[in-house]
Amino acid sequence: MPTSAEKANLRNVSVDLIDRNPENPRLLFRPEEMEQLLDSINRLGIQVPISVYQEAGRFVLIDGERRWRCAVKLNHKTIPALVQEKPGSLTNLLLMFNIHALREQWDLLTIALKLPRVIGLLTLANGRVPTEREISEYTGLTRGVIRRSKLLMELPIEHQQAVLNELKRPKSKQKLTEDFYIEMERSLKTVERAMPEVIPDKNAVREVLVAKYRDGTITNIVDFRRVGKIARAQNVEADPATAKRVLVKLFSHNRYGVGAAYADSVAGAYDERDILTRLDGIIERLSSLHAGNLDDSIRERLEALREIINRLLRGG
């Protein structure tokens, strides 16, 4: 990605003449992070210049907003800055993504809120919608991060705001986290693909699941992975009609949770498949053994296994 960094010149710029970059995806500056940086700058000064470009007699940040905020708070009159040529809109945005990809990871929501802008600008530049791989190459984000961010990107605004409100709270007090919404959205996408008729109104289902998580009917965000398993009942030869019935009940206002829905529909089928997979592995391993090479501990376990098998086959 071409930049004008090689043409930058180092200057001391008045902190009052600097503006934050409107394209900066970052939304939150947590107090604990700022306090550590504030203490460091107060003791040692700013060791790494910020990066800015000049526009209409003022300067716009490209990199270093936390350092600039600390300088303002410490009443510094100037701050060392690398002044670059003004980048184009796409370059400006991609610069910030790549700079932060090399440092601490942003909250996924901040990425999600800017992804449509990135995709739109890349589409204009290249004449087509970029692939996931191309977005990764341009932004420095991993494809896993992009996929997770897209799930948040597709949320209605009110749910994005709910995530943002949670991100402002201490981590120990957050409930409707990014991970909660990511797990929920993944499960709903699976249901939409396998049994779309059980989700006539996706946002209404979201509201039900959020309420159930808040009141403890759904106790763990990982439980949402079982919702996808219920929707894929046919894959384990479980009854699809039963699966649909429990999903409709799960997506309604009541005290019916994911654990109960899973137990009432596909739990037995998945357990059976798991047993079959394990038995296939055991059979494969046993086939490679030779009687003369068995030690006493293996013989004891094989005898115990034979007793269990005989009992099961007799129906005992």
Protein backbone atom coordinates (compact mmCIF):
# COMPACT_ATOMS: atom_id res chain seq x y z
CA MET A 1 0.00 0.00 0.00
CA PRO A 2 1.69 3.25 -1.07
CA THR A 3 2.08 5.92 1.58
CA SER A 4 3.69 9.32 1.88
CA ALA A 5 5.57 8.38 5.08
CA GLU A 6 8.94 8.61 3.34
CA LYS A 7 8.22 12.27 2.56
CA ALA A 8 7.20 13.14 6.11
CA ASN A 9 9.04 15.83 8.04
CA LEU A 10 9.39 15.96 11.82
CA ARG A 11 8.01 19.07 13.49
CA ASN A 12 6.77 20.22 16.85
CA VAL A 13 3.09 20.91 16.25
CA SER A 14 0.75 22.83 18.54
CA VAL A 15 -1.60 20.37 20.24
CA ASP A 16 -4.43 22.89 19.77
CA LEU A 17 -4.10 22.65 16.01
CA ILE A 18 -4.60 18.87 15.88
CA ASP A 19 -7.92 17.13 15.19
CA ARG A 20 -8.79 13.46 15.52
CA ASN A 21 -9.22 11.58 12.29
CA PRO A 22 -12.92 11.04 11.45
CA GLU A 23 -11.97 7.75 9.75
CA ASN A 24 -10.33 6.33 12.87
CA PRO A 25 -12.23 3.13 13.71
CA ARG A 26 -11.26 3.28 17.36
CA LEU A 27 -14.12 4.42 19.57
CA LEU A 28 -13.00 3.67 23.12
CA PHE A 29 -9.97 4.79 25.11
CA ARG A 30 -10.06 2.85 28.37
CA PRO A 31 -9.02 4.78 31.50
CA GLU A 32 -6.51 2.16 32.68
CA GLU A 33 -4.68 2.23 29.35
CA MET A 34 -4.66 6.02 29.26
CA GLU A 35 -3.42 6.29 32.84
CA GLN A 36 -0.39 4.10 32.13
CA LEU A 37 0.51 6.09 29.03
CA LEU A 38 -0.15 9.37 30.83
CA ASP A 39 2.24 8.38 33.60
CA SER A 40 4.92 7.34 31.09
CA ILE A 41 4.66 10.58 29.10
CA ASN A 42 4.67 12.65 32.29
CA ARG A 43 7.93 11.00 33.36
CA LEU A 44 9.72 10.45 30.07
CA GLY A 45 8.02 12.67 27.53
CA ILE A 46 6.74 11.51 24.15
CA GLN A 47 9.34 9.12 22.76
CA VAL A 48 7.57 8.27 19.49
CA PRO A 49 6.23 11.13 17.33
CA ILE A 50 2.62 11.06 16.25
CA SER A 51 1.76 11.10 12.51
CA VAL A 52 -0.48 13.77 11.00
CA TYR A 53 -1.34 15.38 7.69
CA GLN A 54 -2.02 19.07 7.15
CA GLU A 55 -5.39 20.37 6.02
CA ALA A 56 -6.76 23.92 5.97
CA GLY A 57 -4.16 25.23 8.38
CA ARG A 58 -4.74 22.43 10.88
CA PHE A 59 -3.43 18.89 11.34
CA VAL A 60 -5.36 15.62 11.24
CA LEU A 61 -4.15 12.55 13.12
CA ILE A 62 -3.09 9.41 11.29
CA ASP A 63 -1.41 7.68 14.22
CA GLY A 64 -1.00 8.59 17.88
CA GLU A 65 -4.37 9.72 19.15
CA ARG A 66 -3.70 8.38 22.67
CA ARG A 67 -0.38 10.24 22.83
CA TRP A 68 -2.07 13.41 21.63
CA ARG A 69 -4.88 13.08 24.19
CA CYS A 70 -2.29 12.63 26.96
CA ALA A 71 -0.35 15.67 25.75
CA VAL A 72 -3.54 17.74 25.91
CA LYS A 73 -4.31 16.47 29.40
CA LEU A 74 -0.75 17.26 30.59
CA ASN A 75 -1.05 20.79 29.14
CA HIS A 76 1.78 20.29 26.64
CA LYS A 77 1.88 23.16 24.18
CA THR A 78 3.42 21.15 21.35
CA ILE A 79 3.93 17.53 20.39
CA PRO A 80 6.52 15.96 18.05
CA ALA A 81 4.80 14.96 14.82
CA LEU A 82 5.69 13.48 11.47
CA VAL A 83 3.80 15.65 9.01
CA GLN A 84 2.85 13.69 5.88
CA GLU A 85 1.08 14.53 2.67
CA LYS A 86 -2.68 14.20 2.90
CA PRO A 87 -3.61 10.62 1.92
CA GLY A 88 -6.64 9.67 -0.16
CA SER A 89 -9.72 8.41 1.66
CA LEU A 90 -8.92 4.73 1.10
CA THR A 91 -5.23 5.08 1.98
CA ASN A 92 -6.12 7.11 5.08
CA LEU A 93 -8.42 4.37 6.38
CA LEU A 94 -6.13 1.47 5.47
CA LEU A 95 -3.17 3.20 7.10
CA MET A 96 -4.95 3.17 10.45
CA PHE A 97 -5.98 -0.47 10.09
CA ASN A 98 -2.44 -1.56 9.27
CA ILE A 99 -0.85 0.55 11.99
CA HIS A 100 -3.08 -1.00 14.64
CA ALA A 101 -2.81 -4.51 13.20
CA LEU A 102 0.82 -4.37 14.32
CA ARG A 103 -0.12 -3.30 17.85
CA GLU A 104 -3.00 -4.01 20.20
CA GLN A 105 -6.20 -5.31 18.64
CA TRP A 106 -9.16 -3.00 18.48
CA ASP A 107 -12.51 -4.04 19.87
CA LEU A 108 -14.21 -6.04 17.13
CA LEU A 109 -17.17 -3.66 17.07
CA THR A 110 -14.92 -0.78 16.02
CA ILE A 111 -13.73 -2.87 13.08
CA ALA A 112 -17.29 -3.94 12.28
CA LEU A 113 -18.52 -0.34 12.10
CA LYS A 114 -15.80 0.61 9.60
CA LEU A 115 -15.84 -2.54 7.45
CA PRO A 116 -18.67 -1.29 5.22
CA ARG A 117 -16.60 1.86 4.54
CA VAL A 118 -13.51 -0.23 3.74
CA ILE A 119 -15.47 -2.54 1.45
CA GLY A 120 -17.17 0.40 -0.26
CA LEU A 121 -13.89 2.25 -0.95
CA LEU A 122 -12.15 -0.91 -2.17
CA THR A 123 -15.11 -1.62 -4.45
CA LEU A 124 -14.83 1.88 -5.95
CA ALA A 125 -11.07 1.56 -6.35
CA ASN A 126 -11.11 -1.92 -7.93
CA GLY A 127 -14.43 -1.94 -9.69
CA ARG A 128 -15.70 -4.98 -7.79
CA VAL A 129 -16.46 -6.13 -4.27
CA PRO A 130 -13.26 -7.34 -2.57
CA THR A 131 -12.91 -10.92 -1.42
CA GLU A 132 -12.30 -11.78 2.22
CA ARG A 133 -8.68 -12.57 1.37
CA GLU A 134 -8.23 -9.16 -0.28
CA ILE A 135 -9.77 -7.34 2.69
CA SER A 136 -7.29 -9.19 4.90
CA GLU A 137 -4.34 -8.19 2.70
CA TYR A 138 -5.39 -4.53 2.54
CA THR A 139 -6.20 -4.07 6.24
CA GLY A 140 -3.75 -6.43 7.95
CA LEU A 141 -6.66 -8.12 9.74
CA THR A 142 -6.80 -11.90 9.88
CA ARG A 143 -9.63 -13.57 8.01
CA GLY A 144 -10.92 -14.92 11.33
CA VAL A 145 -11.21 -11.38 12.71
CA ILE A 146 -12.94 -10.24 9.52
CA ARG A 147 -15.51 -13.07 9.75
CA ARG A 148 -16.24 -12.33 13.41
CA SER A 149 -16.47 -8.59 12.71
CA LYS A 150 -18.90 -9.18 9.83
CA LEU A 151 -21.29 -10.88 12.24
CA LEU A 152 -21.33 -7.69 14.32
CA MET A 153 -21.48 -5.54 11.18
CA GLU A 154 -24.77 -7.19 10.20
CA LEU A 155 -26.44 -6.52 13.55
CA PRO A 156 -29.23 -3.93 13.72
CA ILE A 157 -28.11 -0.56 15.07
CA GLU A 158 -29.80 -1.04 18.44
CA HIS A 159 -27.82 -4.21 19.08
CA GLN A 160 -24.56 -2.60 17.96
CA GLN A 161 -25.31 0.17 20.46
CA ALA A 162 -25.90 -2.45 23.15
CA VAL A 163 -22.44 -3.90 22.48
CA LEU A 164 -20.88 -0.43 22.56
CA ASN A 165 -22.56 0.31 25.89
CA GLU A 166 -21.13 -2.92 27.32
CA LEU A 167 -17.64 -2.13 26.02
CA LYS A 168 -17.70 1.07 28.06
CA ARG A 169 -18.11 -0.96 31.25
CA PRO A 170 -15.28 -2.77 33.09
CA LYS A 171 -14.74 -6.22 31.54
CA SER A 172 -15.83 -7.95 34.75
CA LYS A 173 -19.24 -6.26 34.52
CA GLN A 174 -19.89 -6.81 30.82
CA LYS A 175 -22.71 -9.21 29.92
CA LEU A 176 -23.90 -8.63 26.34
CA THR A 177 -20.36 -8.85 25.01
CA GLU A 178 -19.06 -9.06 21.46
CA ASP A 179 -18.54 -12.80 21.99
CA PHE A 180 -22.18 -13.22 23.07
CA TYR A 181 -23.45 -11.65 19.85
CA ILE A 182 -20.94 -13.51 17.69
CA GLU A 183 -21.98 -16.90 19.11
CA MET A 184 -25.67 -16.01 18.82
CA GLU A 185 -25.37 -14.76 15.24
CA ARG A 186 -23.40 -17.82 14.14
CA SER A 187 -26.08 -20.09 15.54
CA LEU A 188 -28.89 -18.11 13.88
CA LYS A 189 -27.11 -18.24 10.52
CA THR A 190 -26.90 -22.02 10.83
CA VAL A 191 -30.61 -22.22 11.65
CA GLU A 192 -31.45 -19.92 8.72
CA ARG A 193 -29.58 -22.22 6.33
CA ALA A 194 -30.99 -25.49 7.69
CA MET A 195 -34.48 -24.54 8.90
CA PRO A 196 -35.33 -21.00 7.74
CA GLU A 197 -39.02 -21.47 8.49
CA VAL A 198 -38.40 -21.38 12.26
CA ILE A 199 -37.04 -17.79 12.04
CA PRO A 200 -39.77 -15.70 10.38
CA ASP A 201 -38.48 -12.56 12.15
CA LYS A 202 -34.78 -12.70 12.99
CA ASN A 203 -34.74 -9.59 15.12
CA ALA A 204 -37.65 -10.87 17.21
CA VAL A 205 -35.63 -14.05 17.83
CA ARG A 206 -32.63 -11.95 18.82
CA GLU A 207 -34.73 -10.09 21.37
CA VAL A 208 -35.96 -13.37 22.87
CA LEU A 209 -32.45 -14.83 23.15
CA VAL A 210 -31.04 -11.63 24.64
CA ALA A 211 -33.82 -11.62 27.24
CA LYS A 212 -33.20 -15.28 28.07
CA TYR A 213 -29.49 -14.63 28.51
CA ARG A 214 -30.18 -11.65 30.74
CA ASP A 215 -32.55 -13.61 33.02
CA GLY A 216 -30.33 -16.70 33.18
CA THR A 217 -32.50 -19.04 31.08
CA ILE A 218 -29.48 -19.28 28.78
CA THR A 219 -26.50 -19.58 31.07
CA ASN A 220 -23.49 -19.78 28.76
CA ILE A 221 -22.77 -18.24 25.36
CA VAL A 222 -21.17 -21.51 24.24
CA ASP A 223 -24.65 -23.07 24.52
CA PHE A 224 -25.49 -21.32 21.26
CA ARG A 225 -23.34 -23.90 19.44
CA ARG A 226 -25.93 -26.49 20.41
CA VAL A 227 -28.61 -24.43 18.64
CA GLY A 228 -26.79 -25.05 15.36
CA LYS A 229 -26.57 -28.75 16.16
CA ILE A 230 -30.33 -28.88 16.71
CA ALA A 231 -30.90 -27.25 13.29
CA ARG A 232 -28.64 -29.87 11.70
CA ALA A 233 -30.68 -32.74 13.17
CA GLN A 234 -30.86 -34.49 9.83
CA ASN A 235 -27.06 -34.86 9.77
CA VAL A 236 -27.25 -37.28 12.71
CA GLU A 237 -30.51 -38.92 11.63
CA ALA A 238 -32.50 -37.22 14.38
CA ASP A 239 -36.13 -36.23 13.80
CA PRO A 240 -36.24 -32.85 11.96
CA ALA A 241 -39.84 -32.24 13.03
CA THR A 242 -38.86 -32.52 16.70
CA ALA A 243 -35.90 -30.22 16.09
CA LYS A 244 -38.15 -27.60 14.50
CA ARG A 245 -40.64 -27.86 17.35
CA VAL A 246 -38.02 -27.28 20.06
CA LEU A 247 -36.44 -24.40 18.14
CA VAL A 248 -39.80 -22.66 17.81
CA LYS A 249 -40.24 -23.11 21.56
CA LEU A 250 -36.70 -21.90 22.26
CA PHE A 251 -37.28 -18.78 20.16
CA SER A 252 -40.41 -17.87 22.14
CA HIS A 253 -40.75 -15.94 25.41
CA ASN A 254 -40.66 -18.61 28.14
CA ARG A 255 -38.17 -20.28 30.49
CA TYR A 256 -37.13 -22.92 27.96
CA GLY A 257 -33.34 -22.93 27.55
CA VAL A 258 -30.83 -24.33 25.09
CA GLY A 259 -29.90 -27.27 27.31
CA ALA A 260 -33.48 -28.46 27.51
CA ALA A 261 -34.02 -27.98 23.76
CA TYR A 262 -30.89 -29.97 22.99
CA ALA A 263 -31.86 -32.78 25.36
CA ASP A 264 -35.39 -32.91 23.94
CA SER A 265 -34.23 -33.23 20.33
CA VAL A 266 -30.77 -34.30 19.23
CA ALA A 267 -28.69 -35.10 22.32
CA GLY A 268 -29.13 -38.87 21.96
CA ALA A 269 -28.29 -38.82 18.25
CA TYR A 270 -25.10 -36.82 18.78
CA ASP A 271 -24.08 -39.07 21.69
CA GLU A 272 -24.61 -42.11 19.47
CA ARG A 273 -22.53 -40.59 16.69
CA ASP A 274 -19.78 -39.77 19.19
CA ILE A 275 -19.80 -43.38 20.47
CA LEU A 276 -19.64 -44.73 16.93
CA THR A 277 -16.69 -42.47 16.11
CA ARG A 278 -14.86 -43.60 19.24
CA LEU A 279 -15.62 -47.27 18.54
CA ASP A 280 -14.27 -46.95 15.01
CA GLY A 281 -11.07 -45.53 16.45
CA ILE A 282 -10.78 -48.32 19.02
CA ILE A 283 -11.42 -51.02 16.40
CA GLU A 284 -8.74 -49.53 14.16
CA ARG A 285 -6.21 -49.49 17.01
CA LEU A 286 -7.06 -53.01 18.19
CA SER A 287 -6.70 -54.37 14.66
CA SER A 288 -3.03 -53.40 14.68
CA LEU A 289 -2.27 -55.31 17.91
CA HIS A 290 -0.88 -58.84 18.13
CA ALA A 291 -1.68 -61.26 20.94
CA GLY A 292 1.97 -61.89 21.69
CA ASN A 293 2.63 -58.20 22.30
CA LEU A 294 -0.11 -57.58 24.89
CA ASP A 295 1.00 -56.78 28.42
CA ASP A 296 -1.08 -57.59 31.49
CA SER A 297 -2.71 -54.13 31.78
CA ILE A 298 -3.98 -54.25 28.19
CA ARG A 299 -5.26 -57.82 28.66
CA GLU A 300 -7.17 -56.75 31.80
CA ARG A 301 -8.85 -53.90 29.97
CA LEU A 302 -9.71 -56.06 26.98
CA GLU A 303 -11.32 -58.61 29.30
CA ALA A 304 -13.36 -55.85 30.93
CA LEU A 305 -14.33 -54.54 27.50
CA ARG A 306 -15.42 -58.03 26.40
CA GLU A 307 -17.68 -58.38 29.44
CA ILE A 308 -19.33 -55.02 28.70
CA ILE A 309 -19.79 -55.91 25.02
CA ASN A 310 -21.28 -59.32 25.84
CA ARG A 311 -23.69 -57.76 28.34
CA LEU A 312 -24.79 -55.11 25.86
CA LEU A 313 -25.28 -57.63 23.08
CA ARG A 314 -27.37 -59.86 25.40
CA GLY A 315 -29.50 -56.82 26.17
CA GLY A 316 -28.50 -56.81 29.84
